[in-house]
N, C-alpha and C. Protein backbone atom coordinates (compact mmCIF):
# COMPACT_ATOMS: atom_id res chain seq x y z
N UNK A 1 81.86 367.66 -66.10
CA UNK A 1 82.08 366.75 -67.21
C UNK A 1 83.59 366.62 -67.44
N UNK A 2 84.13 365.40 -67.48
CA UNK A 2 85.57 365.23 -67.70
C UNK A 2 86.01 365.79 -69.05
N UNK A 3 87.19 366.42 -69.05
CA UNK A 3 87.77 366.96 -70.28
C UNK A 3 88.49 365.85 -71.03
N UNK A 4 88.67 366.08 -72.33
CA UNK A 4 89.44 365.17 -73.16
C UNK A 4 90.43 365.97 -73.99
N UNK A 5 91.37 365.26 -74.58
CA UNK A 5 92.35 365.86 -75.48
C UNK A 5 92.75 364.82 -76.51
N UNK A 6 93.18 365.28 -77.66
CA UNK A 6 93.78 364.43 -78.68
C UNK A 6 95.26 364.78 -78.76
N UNK A 7 96.11 363.78 -78.61
CA UNK A 7 97.56 364.01 -78.58
C UNK A 7 98.29 362.97 -79.42
N UNK A 8 99.50 363.33 -79.85
CA UNK A 8 100.43 362.38 -80.45
C UNK A 8 101.48 362.11 -79.37
N UNK A 9 101.50 360.89 -78.82
CA UNK A 9 102.47 360.60 -77.76
C UNK A 9 103.89 360.51 -78.32
N UNK A 10 104.85 360.94 -77.51
CA UNK A 10 106.27 360.83 -77.85
C UNK A 10 106.94 360.17 -76.64
N UNK A 11 106.73 358.88 -76.52
CA UNK A 11 107.13 358.14 -75.32
C UNK A 11 108.63 358.20 -75.05
N UNK A 12 109.44 358.40 -76.07
CA UNK A 12 110.89 358.47 -75.88
C UNK A 12 111.31 359.63 -74.98
N UNK A 13 110.43 360.62 -74.82
CA UNK A 13 110.78 361.79 -74.00
C UNK A 13 109.97 361.88 -72.71
N UNK A 14 109.32 360.80 -72.31
CA UNK A 14 108.53 360.83 -71.07
C UNK A 14 109.35 361.28 -69.86
N UNK A 15 110.63 360.91 -69.81
CA UNK A 15 111.47 361.26 -68.66
C UNK A 15 111.71 362.76 -68.56
N UNK A 16 111.43 363.50 -69.63
CA UNK A 16 111.70 364.94 -69.66
C UNK A 16 110.43 365.77 -69.55
N UNK A 17 109.32 365.10 -69.27
CA UNK A 17 108.03 365.78 -69.19
C UNK A 17 107.33 365.37 -67.91
N UNK A 18 107.10 366.33 -67.05
CA UNK A 18 106.39 366.07 -65.80
C UNK A 18 105.13 366.91 -65.79
N UNK A 19 104.16 366.47 -66.56
CA UNK A 19 102.88 367.17 -66.65
C UNK A 19 101.87 366.54 -65.71
N UNK A 20 100.62 366.61 -66.09
CA UNK A 20 99.55 366.01 -65.31
C UNK A 20 99.74 364.50 -65.25
N UNK A 21 99.43 363.87 -64.13
CA UNK A 21 99.57 362.42 -64.02
C UNK A 21 98.79 361.71 -65.14
N UNK A 22 99.46 360.74 -65.75
CA UNK A 22 98.83 359.96 -66.80
C UNK A 22 99.02 360.52 -68.20
N UNK A 23 99.59 361.72 -68.31
CA UNK A 23 99.80 362.33 -69.63
C UNK A 23 101.26 362.14 -70.03
N UNK A 24 101.51 361.41 -71.12
CA UNK A 24 102.89 361.22 -71.56
C UNK A 24 103.42 362.47 -72.26
N UNK A 25 104.72 362.48 -72.54
CA UNK A 25 105.27 363.52 -73.41
C UNK A 25 104.49 363.42 -74.73
N UNK A 26 104.14 364.58 -75.28
CA UNK A 26 103.24 364.56 -76.45
C UNK A 26 103.25 365.88 -77.20
N UNK A 27 102.68 365.82 -78.38
CA UNK A 27 102.37 367.01 -79.15
C UNK A 27 100.84 367.03 -79.24
N UNK A 28 100.26 368.14 -78.83
CA UNK A 28 98.81 368.25 -78.78
C UNK A 28 98.23 368.41 -80.19
N UNK A 29 97.19 367.64 -80.47
CA UNK A 29 96.41 367.82 -81.69
C UNK A 29 95.27 368.78 -81.40
N UNK A 30 94.51 368.52 -80.32
CA UNK A 30 93.43 369.44 -79.94
C UNK A 30 93.12 369.30 -78.46
N UNK A 31 93.17 370.42 -77.76
CA UNK A 31 92.79 370.51 -76.35
C UNK A 31 92.20 371.88 -76.11
N UNK A 32 91.12 371.97 -75.35
CA UNK A 32 90.29 370.86 -74.90
C UNK A 32 89.44 370.34 -76.05
N UNK A 33 89.18 369.05 -75.99
CA UNK A 33 88.36 368.42 -77.01
C UNK A 33 86.95 368.26 -76.43
N UNK A 34 86.14 367.43 -77.04
CA UNK A 34 84.74 367.22 -76.66
C UNK A 34 84.65 366.66 -75.25
N UNK A 35 83.63 367.05 -74.49
CA UNK A 35 83.41 366.47 -73.17
C UNK A 35 83.37 364.95 -73.28
N UNK A 36 83.90 364.28 -72.28
CA UNK A 36 84.08 362.83 -72.34
C UNK A 36 82.81 362.07 -72.72
N UNK A 37 81.68 362.45 -72.17
CA UNK A 37 80.44 361.72 -72.44
C UNK A 37 79.94 361.91 -73.87
N UNK A 38 80.41 362.96 -74.53
CA UNK A 38 79.91 363.28 -75.87
C UNK A 38 80.86 362.88 -77.00
N UNK A 39 82.02 362.29 -76.67
CA UNK A 39 82.98 361.94 -77.71
C UNK A 39 82.41 360.82 -78.59
N UNK A 40 82.47 361.03 -79.88
CA UNK A 40 82.07 360.03 -80.87
C UNK A 40 83.37 359.45 -81.45
N UNK A 41 83.81 358.33 -80.90
CA UNK A 41 85.08 357.74 -81.31
C UNK A 41 85.08 357.35 -82.78
N UNK A 42 83.96 356.92 -83.31
CA UNK A 42 83.87 356.56 -84.72
C UNK A 42 84.12 357.79 -85.59
N UNK A 43 83.55 358.93 -85.21
CA UNK A 43 83.75 360.17 -85.97
C UNK A 43 85.21 360.60 -85.91
N UNK A 44 85.85 360.45 -84.75
CA UNK A 44 87.27 360.80 -84.63
C UNK A 44 88.08 359.91 -85.57
N UNK A 45 87.80 358.61 -85.56
CA UNK A 45 88.53 357.68 -86.42
C UNK A 45 88.36 358.06 -87.89
N UNK A 46 87.16 358.48 -88.27
CA UNK A 46 86.91 358.87 -89.66
C UNK A 46 87.71 360.11 -90.05
N UNK A 47 87.82 361.08 -89.13
CA UNK A 47 88.58 362.30 -89.42
C UNK A 47 90.06 361.98 -89.56
N UNK A 48 90.56 361.06 -88.74
CA UNK A 48 91.99 360.75 -88.74
C UNK A 48 92.39 359.73 -89.81
N UNK A 49 91.43 359.00 -90.35
CA UNK A 49 91.71 357.91 -91.30
C UNK A 49 92.55 358.33 -92.51
N UNK A 50 92.38 359.52 -93.07
CA UNK A 50 93.18 359.88 -94.26
C UNK A 50 94.65 360.17 -93.96
N UNK A 51 95.03 360.27 -92.69
CA UNK A 51 96.38 360.69 -92.35
C UNK A 51 97.33 359.51 -92.24
N UNK A 52 98.48 359.65 -92.89
CA UNK A 52 99.54 358.65 -92.80
C UNK A 52 100.41 358.94 -91.59
N UNK A 53 100.99 357.88 -91.03
CA UNK A 53 102.03 358.05 -90.02
C UNK A 53 103.19 358.81 -90.68
N UNK A 54 103.98 359.51 -89.88
CA UNK A 54 105.07 360.29 -90.45
C UNK A 54 106.22 360.40 -89.46
N UNK A 55 107.40 360.55 -90.00
CA UNK A 55 108.59 360.76 -89.19
C UNK A 55 108.77 362.25 -88.95
N UNK A 56 109.34 362.57 -87.80
CA UNK A 56 109.66 363.97 -87.51
C UNK A 56 110.83 364.01 -86.55
N UNK A 57 111.45 365.17 -86.50
CA UNK A 57 112.58 365.40 -85.60
C UNK A 57 112.25 366.54 -84.67
N UNK A 58 112.51 366.33 -83.41
CA UNK A 58 112.42 367.42 -82.43
C UNK A 58 113.80 368.04 -82.42
N UNK A 59 113.92 369.13 -83.17
CA UNK A 59 115.23 369.63 -83.58
C UNK A 59 115.80 370.75 -82.72
N UNK A 60 114.95 371.51 -82.05
CA UNK A 60 115.48 372.66 -81.32
C UNK A 60 114.71 372.90 -80.04
N UNK A 61 115.45 373.37 -79.02
CA UNK A 61 114.84 373.78 -77.75
C UNK A 61 114.43 375.24 -77.87
N UNK A 62 113.23 375.54 -77.39
CA UNK A 62 112.77 376.92 -77.42
C UNK A 62 112.03 377.22 -76.13
N UNK A 63 111.62 378.49 -75.96
CA UNK A 63 110.83 378.90 -74.79
C UNK A 63 109.71 379.81 -75.23
N UNK A 64 108.53 379.56 -74.67
CA UNK A 64 107.42 380.49 -74.85
C UNK A 64 107.61 381.64 -73.87
N UNK A 65 106.92 382.74 -74.14
CA UNK A 65 106.88 383.83 -73.18
C UNK A 65 106.39 383.26 -71.86
N UNK A 66 107.04 383.59 -70.79
CA UNK A 66 106.68 383.02 -69.50
C UNK A 66 107.59 381.88 -69.10
N UNK A 67 108.45 381.44 -70.01
CA UNK A 67 109.49 380.49 -69.64
C UNK A 67 109.23 379.02 -69.92
N UNK A 68 108.08 378.65 -70.45
CA UNK A 68 107.80 377.24 -70.72
C UNK A 68 108.75 376.73 -71.81
N UNK A 69 109.47 375.65 -71.49
CA UNK A 69 110.40 375.04 -72.45
C UNK A 69 109.63 374.12 -73.39
N UNK A 70 110.07 374.14 -74.66
CA UNK A 70 109.42 373.25 -75.62
C UNK A 70 110.37 372.90 -76.74
N UNK A 71 110.02 371.82 -77.45
CA UNK A 71 110.78 371.37 -78.61
C UNK A 71 109.92 371.53 -79.85
N UNK A 72 110.55 372.00 -80.92
CA UNK A 72 109.85 372.22 -82.18
C UNK A 72 109.97 370.97 -83.06
N UNK A 73 108.82 370.42 -83.50
CA UNK A 73 108.89 369.29 -84.42
C UNK A 73 109.12 369.78 -85.85
N UNK A 74 110.00 369.09 -86.56
CA UNK A 74 110.25 369.38 -87.98
C UNK A 74 110.07 368.10 -88.77
N UNK A 75 109.18 368.05 -89.71
CA UNK A 75 108.30 369.13 -90.11
C UNK A 75 107.15 369.30 -89.11
N UNK A 76 106.61 370.49 -89.03
CA UNK A 76 105.49 370.76 -88.13
C UNK A 76 104.15 370.75 -88.87
N UNK A 77 104.20 370.86 -90.18
CA UNK A 77 102.96 370.94 -90.96
C UNK A 77 102.03 369.74 -90.76
N UNK A 78 102.52 368.50 -90.66
CA UNK A 78 101.58 367.39 -90.44
C UNK A 78 100.77 367.55 -89.15
N UNK A 79 101.38 368.14 -88.13
CA UNK A 79 100.64 368.38 -86.88
C UNK A 79 99.58 369.46 -87.08
N UNK A 80 99.94 370.49 -87.82
CA UNK A 80 98.97 371.55 -88.13
C UNK A 80 97.78 370.98 -88.91
N UNK A 81 98.05 370.08 -89.85
CA UNK A 81 96.98 369.48 -90.65
C UNK A 81 96.07 368.61 -89.79
N UNK A 82 96.64 367.86 -88.86
CA UNK A 82 95.82 367.06 -87.94
C UNK A 82 94.91 367.97 -87.11
N UNK A 83 95.49 369.02 -86.55
CA UNK A 83 94.70 369.96 -85.74
C UNK A 83 93.60 370.59 -86.57
N UNK A 84 93.95 371.04 -87.76
CA UNK A 84 92.97 371.70 -88.62
C UNK A 84 91.81 370.76 -88.96
N UNK A 85 92.11 369.50 -89.26
CA UNK A 85 91.07 368.54 -89.64
C UNK A 85 90.10 368.29 -88.48
N UNK A 86 90.64 368.11 -87.29
CA UNK A 86 89.78 367.85 -86.13
C UNK A 86 88.97 369.10 -85.80
N UNK A 87 89.62 370.24 -85.84
CA UNK A 87 88.93 371.50 -85.52
C UNK A 87 87.83 371.80 -86.54
N UNK A 88 88.08 371.50 -87.80
CA UNK A 88 87.03 371.72 -88.82
C UNK A 88 85.82 370.83 -88.55
N UNK A 89 86.04 369.63 -88.07
CA UNK A 89 84.93 368.71 -87.77
C UNK A 89 84.18 369.14 -86.51
N UNK A 90 84.91 369.70 -85.52
CA UNK A 90 84.32 370.16 -84.27
C UNK A 90 84.68 371.64 -84.05
N UNK A 91 84.11 372.53 -84.85
CA UNK A 91 84.49 373.95 -84.77
C UNK A 91 84.16 374.61 -83.44
N UNK A 92 83.29 374.01 -82.68
CA UNK A 92 82.96 374.57 -81.36
C UNK A 92 84.05 374.29 -80.32
N UNK A 93 85.11 373.60 -80.74
CA UNK A 93 86.23 373.28 -79.86
C UNK A 93 87.54 373.77 -80.47
N UNK A 94 87.77 375.09 -80.48
CA UNK A 94 89.02 375.59 -81.04
C UNK A 94 90.21 375.20 -80.16
N UNK A 95 91.39 375.06 -80.75
CA UNK A 95 92.57 374.73 -79.96
C UNK A 95 92.79 375.74 -78.83
N UNK A 96 93.06 375.21 -77.66
CA UNK A 96 93.34 376.03 -76.47
C UNK A 96 92.25 377.08 -76.24
N UNK A 97 91.01 376.69 -76.56
CA UNK A 97 89.83 377.55 -76.39
C UNK A 97 89.95 378.87 -77.13
N UNK A 98 90.73 378.89 -78.22
CA UNK A 98 90.89 380.08 -79.04
C UNK A 98 91.83 381.11 -78.45
N UNK A 99 92.64 380.72 -77.47
CA UNK A 99 93.53 381.67 -76.78
C UNK A 99 94.69 382.16 -77.64
N UNK A 100 95.02 381.44 -78.72
CA UNK A 100 96.18 381.80 -79.54
C UNK A 100 95.78 381.96 -81.00
N UNK A 101 96.28 383.02 -81.62
CA UNK A 101 96.01 383.23 -83.04
C UNK A 101 96.70 382.19 -83.90
N UNK A 102 97.91 381.80 -83.51
CA UNK A 102 98.67 380.81 -84.25
C UNK A 102 98.98 379.66 -83.29
N UNK A 103 98.47 378.49 -83.60
CA UNK A 103 98.74 377.32 -82.77
C UNK A 103 100.04 376.70 -83.25
N UNK A 104 101.04 376.71 -82.38
CA UNK A 104 102.38 376.24 -82.72
C UNK A 104 102.52 374.79 -82.24
N UNK A 105 102.71 373.85 -83.17
CA UNK A 105 102.96 372.48 -82.73
C UNK A 105 104.23 372.44 -81.88
N UNK A 106 104.14 371.78 -80.74
CA UNK A 106 105.28 371.75 -79.82
C UNK A 106 105.16 370.58 -78.85
N UNK A 107 106.29 370.21 -78.28
CA UNK A 107 106.34 369.23 -77.21
C UNK A 107 106.88 369.96 -75.99
N UNK A 108 106.05 370.14 -74.99
CA UNK A 108 106.48 370.79 -73.76
C UNK A 108 107.41 369.86 -73.00
N UNK A 109 108.50 370.41 -72.49
CA UNK A 109 109.41 369.64 -71.63
C UNK A 109 109.61 370.42 -70.35
N UNK A 110 109.90 369.70 -69.27
CA UNK A 110 110.05 370.37 -67.98
C UNK A 110 111.47 370.27 -67.45
N UNK A 111 112.37 369.70 -68.24
CA UNK A 111 113.77 369.61 -67.83
C UNK A 111 114.66 370.29 -68.87
N UNK A 112 115.63 371.04 -68.38
CA UNK A 112 116.53 371.79 -69.27
C UNK A 112 117.48 370.87 -70.02
N UNK A 113 117.69 369.65 -69.53
CA UNK A 113 118.67 368.75 -70.17
C UNK A 113 118.03 367.83 -71.20
N UNK A 114 116.87 368.19 -71.70
CA UNK A 114 116.21 367.38 -72.72
C UNK A 114 117.11 367.27 -73.95
N UNK A 115 117.35 366.04 -74.43
CA UNK A 115 118.24 365.90 -75.58
C UNK A 115 117.60 366.35 -76.88
N UNK A 116 118.39 366.92 -77.74
CA UNK A 116 118.00 367.20 -79.12
C UNK A 116 119.22 366.96 -79.99
N UNK A 117 119.03 366.56 -81.22
CA UNK A 117 117.75 366.26 -81.84
C UNK A 117 117.25 364.86 -81.44
N UNK A 118 115.94 364.68 -81.54
CA UNK A 118 115.31 363.39 -81.31
C UNK A 118 114.50 363.06 -82.56
N UNK A 119 114.83 361.95 -83.18
CA UNK A 119 114.10 361.51 -84.37
C UNK A 119 113.08 360.46 -83.94
N UNK A 120 111.83 360.63 -84.38
CA UNK A 120 110.77 359.72 -83.97
C UNK A 120 109.67 359.68 -85.03
N UNK A 121 108.59 359.00 -84.72
CA UNK A 121 107.46 358.89 -85.66
C UNK A 121 106.16 359.14 -84.95
N UNK A 122 105.25 359.75 -85.67
CA UNK A 122 103.86 359.88 -85.23
C UNK A 122 103.11 358.71 -85.86
N UNK A 123 102.72 357.74 -85.05
CA UNK A 123 102.05 356.55 -85.58
C UNK A 123 100.61 356.43 -85.12
N UNK A 124 100.24 357.20 -84.09
CA UNK A 124 98.87 357.16 -83.62
C UNK A 124 98.53 358.45 -82.88
N UNK A 125 97.25 358.69 -82.78
CA UNK A 125 96.72 359.81 -82.01
C UNK A 125 95.94 359.20 -80.86
N UNK A 126 96.22 359.66 -79.66
CA UNK A 126 95.52 359.15 -78.47
C UNK A 126 94.41 360.11 -78.07
N UNK A 127 93.29 359.55 -77.69
CA UNK A 127 92.23 360.29 -77.01
C UNK A 127 92.45 360.03 -75.53
N UNK A 128 92.77 361.09 -74.79
CA UNK A 128 92.96 360.94 -73.35
C UNK A 128 91.83 361.66 -72.63
N UNK A 129 91.52 361.16 -71.45
CA UNK A 129 90.38 361.65 -70.68
C UNK A 129 90.80 361.94 -69.25
N UNK A 130 90.36 363.07 -68.75
CA UNK A 130 90.68 363.47 -67.39
C UNK A 130 89.81 362.70 -66.40
N UNK A 131 90.45 362.12 -65.42
CA UNK A 131 89.77 361.43 -64.33
C UNK A 131 90.06 362.20 -63.04
N UNK A 132 89.45 361.83 -61.92
CA UNK A 132 89.66 362.61 -60.70
C UNK A 132 91.12 362.79 -60.28
N UNK A 133 91.97 361.76 -60.48
CA UNK A 133 93.34 361.87 -59.99
C UNK A 133 94.41 361.75 -61.07
N UNK A 134 94.00 361.47 -62.28
CA UNK A 134 94.97 361.32 -63.38
C UNK A 134 94.21 361.26 -64.70
N UNK A 135 94.95 361.48 -65.76
CA UNK A 135 94.40 361.29 -67.10
C UNK A 135 94.58 359.83 -67.48
N UNK A 136 93.67 359.32 -68.31
CA UNK A 136 93.80 357.96 -68.81
C UNK A 136 93.69 357.98 -70.33
N UNK A 137 94.30 356.98 -70.94
CA UNK A 137 94.19 356.84 -72.39
C UNK A 137 92.91 356.08 -72.66
N UNK A 138 91.99 356.73 -73.33
CA UNK A 138 90.69 356.13 -73.62
C UNK A 138 90.73 355.31 -74.92
N UNK A 139 91.47 355.80 -75.91
CA UNK A 139 91.48 355.14 -77.21
C UNK A 139 92.71 355.61 -77.98
N UNK A 140 93.26 354.72 -78.79
CA UNK A 140 94.36 355.08 -79.68
C UNK A 140 93.89 354.89 -81.12
N UNK A 141 94.09 355.90 -81.93
CA UNK A 141 93.70 355.88 -83.34
C UNK A 141 94.98 355.77 -84.17
N UNK A 142 95.22 354.59 -84.77
CA UNK A 142 96.44 354.45 -85.58
C UNK A 142 96.36 355.28 -86.85
N UNK A 143 97.49 355.89 -87.20
CA UNK A 143 97.60 356.58 -88.47
C UNK A 143 97.98 355.55 -89.52
N UNK A 144 97.57 355.77 -90.75
CA UNK A 144 97.84 354.81 -91.82
C UNK A 144 99.33 354.63 -91.99
N UNK A 145 99.74 353.45 -92.34
CA UNK A 145 101.17 353.15 -92.48
C UNK A 145 101.64 353.36 -93.92
N UNK A 146 101.56 354.64 -94.35
CA UNK A 146 102.04 355.00 -95.68
C UNK A 146 103.54 355.09 -95.70
N UNK A 147 104.06 355.76 -96.70
CA UNK A 147 105.52 355.85 -96.87
C UNK A 147 106.12 357.12 -96.29
N UNK A 148 105.28 358.02 -95.76
CA UNK A 148 105.79 359.31 -95.25
C UNK A 148 106.67 359.12 -94.04
C-alpha cells in the first residue's frame, strides 16, 4: 500500500533539499500518514480548516545526532499544533511511527550552504503520496487567510 505524508512545502529552499524524488523542501506535519487507499481527504480538510496561514522564519542551522542538517522554524508552535491536530484525529498514525518522544518541527537540508535566515509563509498543507518511482502531490489543503 503506498505511503502518504502531510507536509508544509517551502519551495524557496528546494535547491537545498535533495530528498526523495517529487518531495519538495518541507516541514513535516505527519509521516507516515494513512495508507493511500484509505485517506479521507474531506476529513483532512476538516481537521485543517481551523488553522490560519502564518509567517515563519527559518532562523538557524542545526544538526541532529547522526549529522542530518536542518533548519529550525520560528515560531515552531504552529507546526506542533498542526501535527497534534492531525495525530489526535488519527491516533493510530503517530509522527515518525512513535520513534521520537519530542517531535521537533524542522526543514531538512542536504547542502551546507543553505541560506539563513529565510522568511516565508505556511499557506497550505500538501498530502503527498508515494508512487513506484517518485512521490506525487495528491492534494493541497489551503490554510485560512487570517492575519497571523
